[in-house]
Amino acid sequence: YWDTCRRSTRLEGMAVEQRLEENNVKNENEQKKAYLRGYRKHGKRIKRIESEIEEIRSMKMYPSMNNDGMPHGSGQGDLSGYAAELREKEDKLYYEGVEQVKTYNDISGRIRKLEDEDERDVLFYRYIKGLRFWEIAQAMDYSEDWIYKLHGRALWHLNIS
């Protein structure tokens, strides 16, 4: 009886250790994915800032009516506020572009360190080019299931620390 209890306890302990290890791998993979998504996030921010700049410029070209009931001379307001806001957005755009280049260099350098070319390709297509898994499968001429496996292996081998 006691041998059976000890074996059962040992097996339960091993199962708990295995679940902990699986959770650690899962958490580590999520951290790696978040890191790799950093490049594309910069691209999204750049597009948003460009849209904001376009909006600021279009508002200056086509000013809206001021319906506050107060007299306002010729309607030609002071351009300093417009210029300052535009300059701030352009500075933000420049900074975001610099950060995107730094992030690209860091991420692509880590991807290049992977030994397997297919793993490098999967991470590049997924996180730099932003392709979906089925698009990667088409580009690489593999099945989508194989791309998922390559992606998992690539994450396992990727070092972000």
C-alpha atoms as a PDB file:
ATOM      1  CA  TYR A   1       0.000   0.000   0.000  1.00  0.00           C
ATOM      2  CA  TRP A   2       2.714   2.517   0.974  1.00  0.00           C
ATOM      3  CA  ASP A   3       4.703   1.792  -2.188  1.00  0.00           C
ATOM      4  CA  THR A   4       1.616   2.526  -4.261  1.00  0.00           C
ATOM      5  CA  CYS A   5       1.033   5.791  -2.379  1.00  0.00           C
ATOM      6  CA  ARG A   6       4.666   6.849  -2.854  1.00  0.00           C
ATOM      7  CA  ARG A   7       4.554   6.036  -6.574  1.00  0.00           C
ATOM      8  CA  SER A   8       1.277   7.932  -6.943  1.00  0.00           C
ATOM      9  CA  THR A   9       2.671  10.959  -5.086  1.00  0.00           C
ATOM     10  CA  ARG A  10       5.841  10.876  -7.175  1.00  0.00           C
ATOM     11  CA  LEU A  11       3.806  10.718 -10.418  1.00  0.00           C
ATOM     12  CA  GLU A  12       1.622  13.610  -9.265  1.00  0.00           C
ATOM     13  CA  GLY A  13       4.740  15.616  -8.452  1.00  0.00           C
ATOM     14  CA  MET A  14       6.171  14.886 -11.891  1.00  0.00           C
ATOM     15  CA  ALA A  15       2.903  15.954 -13.528  1.00  0.00           C
ATOM     16  CA  VAL A  16       2.953  19.225 -11.583  1.00  0.00           C
ATOM     17  CA  GLU A  17       6.581  19.844 -12.601  1.00  0.00           C
ATOM     18  CA  GLN A  18       5.701  19.140 -16.227  1.00  0.00           C
ATOM     19  CA  ARG A  19       2.776  21.600 -16.126  1.00  0.00           C
ATOM     20  CA  LEU A  20       5.013  24.246 -14.551  1.00  0.00           C
ATOM     21  CA  GLU A  21       7.629  23.714 -17.257  1.00  0.00           C
ATOM     22  CA  GLU A  22       4.952  23.969 -19.982  1.00  0.00           C
ATOM     23  CA  ASN A  23       3.676  27.208 -18.427  1.00  0.00           C
ATOM     24  CA  ASN A  24       7.215  28.598 -18.287  1.00  0.00           C
ATOM     25  CA  VAL A  25       7.753  27.786 -21.970  1.00  0.00           C
ATOM     26  CA  LYS A  26       4.382  29.329 -22.833  1.00  0.00           C
ATOM     27  CA  ASN A  27       5.207  32.517 -20.888  1.00  0.00           C
ATOM     28  CA  GLU A  28       8.645  32.725 -22.466  1.00  0.00           C
ATOM     29  CA  ASN A  29       7.151  32.311 -25.946  1.00  0.00           C
ATOM     30  CA  GLU A  30       4.613  35.061 -25.251  1.00  0.00           C
ATOM     31  CA  GLN A  31       7.456  37.372 -24.185  1.00  0.00           C
ATOM     32  CA  LYS A  32       9.346  36.544 -27.376  1.00  0.00           C
ATOM     33  CA  LYS A  33       6.269  37.215 -29.530  1.00  0.00           C
ATOM     34  CA  ALA A  34       5.677  40.553 -27.803  1.00  0.00           C
ATOM     35  CA  TYR A  35       9.318  41.469 -28.418  1.00  0.00           C
ATOM     36  CA  LEU A  36       9.095  40.470 -32.081  1.00  0.00           C
ATOM     37  CA  ARG A  37       5.841  42.425 -32.570  1.00  0.00           C
ATOM     38  CA  GLY A  38       7.669  45.586 -31.512  1.00  0.00           C
ATOM     39  CA  TYR A  39       8.831  46.328 -35.051  1.00  0.00           C
ATOM     40  CA  ARG A  40       5.344  46.270 -36.562  1.00  0.00           C
ATOM     41  CA  LYS A  41       4.013  48.432 -33.703  1.00  0.00           C
ATOM     42  CA  HIS A  42       6.402  51.189 -34.729  1.00  0.00           C
ATOM     43  CA  GLY A  43       5.036  50.968 -38.279  1.00  0.00           C
ATOM     44  CA  LYS A  44       1.471  51.352 -37.011  1.00  0.00           C
ATOM     45  CA  ARG A  45       2.451  54.370 -34.899  1.00  0.00           C
ATOM     46  CA  ILE A  46       4.194  55.942 -37.896  1.00  0.00           C
ATOM     47  CA  LYS A  47       1.058  55.550 -40.032  1.00  0.00           C
ATOM     48  CA  ARG A  48      -1.080  57.098 -37.301  1.00  0.00           C
ATOM     49  CA  ILE A  49       1.282  60.072 -36.887  1.00  0.00           C
ATOM     50  CA  GLU A  50       1.346  60.582 -40.668  1.00  0.00           C
ATOM     51  CA  SER A  51      -2.455  60.617 -40.637  1.00  0.00           C
ATOM     52  CA  GLU A  52      -2.444  63.178 -37.829  1.00  0.00           C
ATOM     53  CA  ILE A  53      -0.049  65.396 -39.795  1.00  0.00           C
ATOM     54  CA  GLU A  54      -2.254  65.097 -42.869  1.00  0.00           C
ATOM     55  CA  GLU A  55      -5.290  66.044 -40.779  1.00  0.00           C
ATOM     56  CA  ILE A  56      -3.534  69.084 -39.279  1.00  0.00           C
ATOM     57  CA  ARG A  57      -2.512  70.259 -42.750  1.00  0.00           C
ATOM     58  CA  SER A  58      -5.997  69.760 -44.191  1.00  0.00           C
ATOM     59  CA  MET A  59      -7.584  71.701 -41.313  1.00  0.00           C
ATOM     60  CA  LYS A  60      -5.264  74.620 -42.075  1.00  0.00           C
ATOM     61  CA  MET A  61      -6.134  74.517 -45.766  1.00  0.00           C
ATOM     62  CA  TYR A  62      -9.883  74.308 -45.114  1.00  0.00           C
ATOM     63  CA  PRO A  63     -10.529  76.095 -41.834  1.00  0.00           C
ATOM     64  CA  SER A  64     -13.827  75.349 -40.163  1.00  0.00           C
ATOM     65  CA  MET A  65     -16.299  78.028 -39.179  1.00  0.00           C
ATOM     66  CA  ASN A  66     -15.938  79.480 -35.724  1.00  0.00           C
ATOM     67  CA  ASN A  67     -19.445  79.644 -34.305  1.00  0.00           C
ATOM     68  CA  ASP A  68     -18.762  81.310 -30.978  1.00  0.00           C
ATOM     69  CA  GLY A  69     -20.661  84.501 -31.856  1.00  0.00           C
ATOM     70  CA  MET A  70     -17.610  86.700 -31.400  1.00  0.00           C
ATOM     71  CA  PRO A  71     -16.170  88.912 -34.138  1.00  0.00           C
ATOM     72  CA  HIS A  72     -12.889  87.604 -35.596  1.00  0.00           C
ATOM     73  CA  GLY A  73     -11.301  90.052 -38.022  1.00  0.00           C
ATOM     74  CA  SER A  74     -10.221  88.559 -41.333  1.00  0.00           C
ATOM     75  CA  GLY A  75     -10.284  84.934 -40.228  1.00  0.00           C
ATOM     76  CA  GLN A  76      -6.526  84.683 -40.711  1.00  0.00           C
ATOM     77  CA  GLY A  77      -5.434  83.426 -37.302  1.00  0.00           C
ATOM     78  CA  ASP A  78      -1.974  83.258 -35.863  1.00  0.00           C
ATOM     79  CA  LEU A  79       0.002  80.513 -37.619  1.00  0.00           C
ATOM     80  CA  SER A  80       2.325  79.884 -34.667  1.00  0.00           C
ATOM     81  CA  GLY A  81      -0.016  77.360 -33.017  1.00  0.00           C
ATOM     82  CA  TYR A  82      -0.446  75.500 -36.283  1.00  0.00           C
ATOM     83  CA  ALA A  83       3.308  75.508 -36.940  1.00  0.00           C
ATOM     84  CA  ALA A  84       4.108  74.350 -33.395  1.00  0.00           C
ATOM     85  CA  GLU A  85       1.606  71.500 -33.554  1.00  0.00           C
ATOM     86  CA  LEU A  86       2.858  70.454 -36.981  1.00  0.00           C
ATOM     87  CA  ARG A  87       6.490  70.600 -35.818  1.00  0.00           C
ATOM     88  CA  GLU A  88       5.668  68.493 -32.738  1.00  0.00           C
ATOM     89  CA  LYS A  89       4.048  65.794 -34.901  1.00  0.00           C
ATOM     90  CA  GLU A  90       6.941  65.830 -37.373  1.00  0.00           C
ATOM     91  CA  ASP A  91       9.428  65.439 -34.509  1.00  0.00           C
ATOM     92  CA  LYS A  92       7.366  62.569 -33.159  1.00  0.00           C
ATOM     93  CA  LEU A  93       7.341  60.991 -36.630  1.00  0.00           C
ATOM     94  CA  TYR A  94      11.121  61.285 -36.902  1.00  0.00           C
ATOM     95  CA  TYR A  95      11.655  59.795 -33.423  1.00  0.00           C
ATOM     96  CA  GLU A  96       9.308  56.882 -34.187  1.00  0.00           C
ATOM     97  CA  GLY A  97      11.156  56.224 -37.445  1.00  0.00           C
ATOM     98  CA  VAL A  98      14.497  56.136 -35.634  1.00  0.00           C
ATOM     99  CA  GLU A  99      13.068  53.746 -33.028  1.00  0.00           C
ATOM    100  CA  GLN A 100      11.670  51.525 -35.778  1.00  0.00           C
ATOM    101  CA  VAL A 101      15.084  51.267 -37.423  1.00  0.00           C
ATOM    102  CA  LYS A 102      16.741  50.429 -34.096  1.00  0.00           C
ATOM    103  CA  THR A 103      14.101  47.797 -33.370  1.00  0.00           C
ATOM    104  CA  TYR A 104      14.441  46.329 -36.865  1.00  0.00           C
ATOM    105  CA  ASN A 105      18.210  46.059 -36.520  1.00  0.00           C
ATOM    106  CA  ASP A 106      17.904  44.389 -33.118  1.00  0.00           C
ATOM    107  CA  ILE A 107      15.181  41.918 -34.115  1.00  0.00           C
ATOM    108  CA  SER A 108      16.652  41.029 -37.509  1.00  0.00           C
ATOM    109  CA  GLY A 109      20.058  40.506 -35.901  1.00  0.00           C
ATOM    110  CA  ARG A 110      18.582  38.025 -33.442  1.00  0.00           C
ATOM    111  CA  ILE A 111      16.660  36.259 -36.200  1.00  0.00           C
ATOM    112  CA  ARG A 112      19.851  35.957 -38.283  1.00  0.00           C
ATOM    113  CA  LYS A 113      21.513  34.136 -35.384  1.00  0.00           C
ATOM    114  CA  LEU A 114      19.115  31.198 -35.758  1.00  0.00           C
ATOM    115  CA  GLU A 115      20.867  28.230 -37.346  1.00  0.00           C
ATOM    116  CA  ASP A 116      17.923  26.946 -39.398  1.00  0.00           C
ATOM    117  CA  GLU A 117      17.118  28.997 -42.495  1.00  0.00           C
ATOM    118  CA  ASP A 118      13.440  27.977 -42.483  1.00  0.00           C
ATOM    119  CA  GLU A 119      13.091  29.159 -38.874  1.00  0.00           C
ATOM    120  CA  ARG A 120      14.701  32.473 -39.833  1.00  0.00           C
ATOM    121  CA  ASP A 121      12.330  32.823 -42.780  1.00  0.00           C
ATOM    122  CA  VAL A 122       9.217  32.091 -40.717  1.00  0.00           C
ATOM    123  CA  LEU A 123      10.099  34.715 -38.097  1.00  0.00           C
ATOM    124  CA  PHE A 124      11.064  37.262 -40.756  1.00  0.00           C
ATOM    125  CA  TYR A 125       7.839  36.790 -42.729  1.00  0.00           C
ATOM    126  CA  ARG A 126       5.697  36.771 -39.601  1.00  0.00           C
ATOM    127  CA  TYR A 127       7.145  39.608 -37.544  1.00  0.00           C
ATOM    128  CA  ILE A 128       8.963  41.833 -40.028  1.00  0.00           C
ATOM    129  CA  LYS A 129       6.756  41.481 -43.103  1.00  0.00           C
ATOM    130  CA  GLY A 130       3.567  40.882 -41.077  1.00  0.00           C
ATOM    131  CA  LEU A 131       2.340  37.913 -43.104  1.00  0.00           C
ATOM    132  CA  ARG A 132      -0.268  35.492 -41.822  1.00  0.00           C
ATOM    133  CA  PHE A 133       0.660  31.849 -41.355  1.00  0.00           C
ATOM    134  CA  TRP A 134      -1.164  30.732 -44.497  1.00  0.00           C
ATOM    135  CA  GLU A 135       0.664  33.420 -46.498  1.00  0.00           C
ATOM    136  CA  ILE A 136       3.994  32.234 -45.099  1.00  0.00           C
ATOM    137  CA  ALA A 137       3.076  28.660 -46.066  1.00  0.00           C
ATOM    138  CA  GLN A 138       2.425  29.827 -49.631  1.00  0.00           C
ATOM    139  CA  ALA A 139       5.630  31.873 -49.798  1.00  0.00           C
ATOM    140  CA  MET A 140       7.750  29.008 -48.472  1.00  0.00           C
ATOM    141  CA  ASP A 141       5.836  26.255 -50.303  1.00  0.00           C
ATOM    142  CA  TYR A 142       5.085  24.328 -47.095  1.00  0.00           C
ATOM    143  CA  SER A 143       1.871  23.280 -45.408  1.00  0.00           C
ATOM    144  CA  GLU A 144       0.397  25.631 -42.841  1.00  0.00           C
ATOM    145  CA  ASP A 145       0.801  22.925 -40.174  1.00  0.00           C
ATOM    146  CA  TRP A 146       4.528  22.749 -40.902  1.00  0.00           C
ATOM    147  CA  ILE A 147       4.780  26.545 -40.660  1.00  0.00           C
ATOM    148  CA  TYR A 148       3.207  26.410 -37.180  1.00  0.00           C
ATOM    149  CA  LYS A 149       5.780  23.808 -36.136  1.00  0.00           C
ATOM    150  CA  LEU A 150       8.650  25.822 -37.597  1.00  0.00           C
ATOM    151  CA  HIS A 151       7.345  28.895 -35.796  1.00  0.00           C
ATOM    152  CA  GLY A 152       7.308  27.040 -32.478  1.00  0.00           C
ATOM    153  CA  ARG A 153      10.826  25.720 -33.035  1.00  0.00           C
ATOM    154  CA  ALA A 154      12.050  29.157 -34.070  1.00  0.00           C
ATOM    155  CA  LEU A 155      10.615  30.724 -30.911  1.00  0.00           C
ATOM    156  CA  TRP A 156      12.256  27.989 -28.861  1.00  0.00           C
ATOM    157  CA  HIS A 157      15.648  28.703 -30.430  1.00  0.00           C
ATOM    158  CA  LEU A 158      15.345  32.511 -30.453  1.00  0.00           C
ATOM    159  CA  ASN A 159      17.347  34.263 -27.747  1.00  0.00           C
ATOM    160  CA  ILE A 160      16.051  37.685 -26.686  1.00  0.00           C
ATOM    161  CA  SER A 161      18.026  38.125 -23.479  1.00  0.00           C
END
